[in-house]
């Protein structure tokens, strides 16, 4: 059991958001979470998977947008 379990406040701090955002992710079942009694914890690996799944890769510079109309 090497995975660390994070509180909603810790997840919000890591994401740079308010606590409302991770709570919404939990309510909408968009992130894996664990309920320990009435407490909610998010595995660190689930947070990494969420970030990886929602990361948008940059595209290369496109010169076609810079062409003039003839």
Protein backbone atom coordinates (compact mmCIF):
# COMPACT_ATOMS: atom_id res chain seq x y z
CA UNK A 1 0.00 0.00 0.00
CA UNK A 2 2.46 2.64 -1.19
CA UNK A 3 -0.22 5.06 -2.39
CA UNK A 4 -0.74 8.18 -0.29
CA UNK A 5 -4.32 9.28 0.38
CA UNK A 6 -4.96 13.01 0.17
CA UNK A 7 -7.66 15.14 1.74
CA UNK A 8 -9.85 17.41 -0.36
CA UNK A 9 -7.90 20.41 0.97
CA UNK A 10 -4.57 18.83 -0.06
CA UNK A 11 -5.87 18.06 -3.56
CA UNK A 12 -7.17 21.62 -3.93
CA UNK A 13 -3.79 22.99 -2.88
CA UNK A 14 -1.91 20.76 -5.35
CA UNK A 15 -4.26 21.77 -8.18
CA UNK A 16 -4.17 25.44 -7.21
CA UNK A 17 -7.95 25.62 -6.82
CA UNK A 18 -10.47 26.04 -4.06
CA UNK A 19 -11.87 23.00 -2.23
CA UNK A 20 -15.06 23.33 -4.24
CA UNK A 21 -13.43 21.98 -7.42
CA UNK A 22 -12.24 18.59 -6.03
CA UNK A 23 -15.58 18.24 -4.22
CA UNK A 24 -17.35 18.72 -7.55
CA UNK A 25 -15.09 16.11 -9.19
CA UNK A 26 -16.07 13.70 -6.42
CA UNK A 27 -19.80 14.50 -6.67
CA UNK A 28 -19.74 13.99 -10.45
CA UNK A 29 -17.66 10.79 -10.05
CA UNK A 30 -14.96 12.21 -12.34
CA UNK A 31 -12.13 11.15 -10.02
CA UNK A 32 -11.51 8.00 -8.00
CA UNK A 33 -11.98 8.46 -4.27
CA UNK A 34 -12.14 6.40 -1.09
CA UNK A 35 -14.64 6.87 1.72
CA UNK A 36 -13.27 6.17 5.18
CA UNK A 37 -16.32 6.55 7.37
CA UNK A 38 -17.56 10.03 6.57
CA UNK A 39 -14.14 11.19 5.37
CA UNK A 40 -13.24 11.33 1.68
CA UNK A 41 -9.70 10.67 0.49
CA UNK A 42 -8.25 10.73 -3.01
CA UNK A 43 -5.36 8.39 -3.82
CA UNK A 44 -2.32 10.24 -5.14
CA UNK A 45 -2.24 7.88 -8.14
CA UNK A 46 -5.86 8.80 -8.98
CA UNK A 47 -4.96 12.50 -8.92
CA UNK A 48 -2.00 11.86 -11.22
CA UNK A 49 -4.22 9.83 -13.58
CA UNK A 50 -6.82 12.63 -13.60
CA UNK A 51 -4.15 15.23 -14.44
CA UNK A 52 -2.64 13.01 -17.16
CA UNK A 53 -6.06 12.35 -18.72
CA UNK A 54 -6.87 16.07 -18.83
CA UNK A 55 -3.51 17.38 -20.00
CA UNK A 56 -3.66 19.01 -23.42
CA UNK A 57 -0.48 18.75 -25.45
CA UNK A 58 0.83 21.85 -27.24
CA UNK A 59 0.79 21.86 -31.02
CA UNK A 60 3.64 23.07 -33.18
CA UNK A 61 3.72 26.51 -34.73
CA UNK A 62 1.45 26.60 -37.76
CA UNK A 63 2.45 29.00 -40.48
CA UNK A 64 -0.72 28.35 -42.50
CA UNK A 65 -2.61 30.71 -40.18
CA UNK A 66 -0.15 33.51 -40.94
CA UNK A 67 -0.60 33.51 -44.71
CA UNK A 68 -2.15 36.50 -46.38
CA UNK A 69 -5.22 36.28 -48.50
CA UNK A 70 -4.41 36.80 -52.17
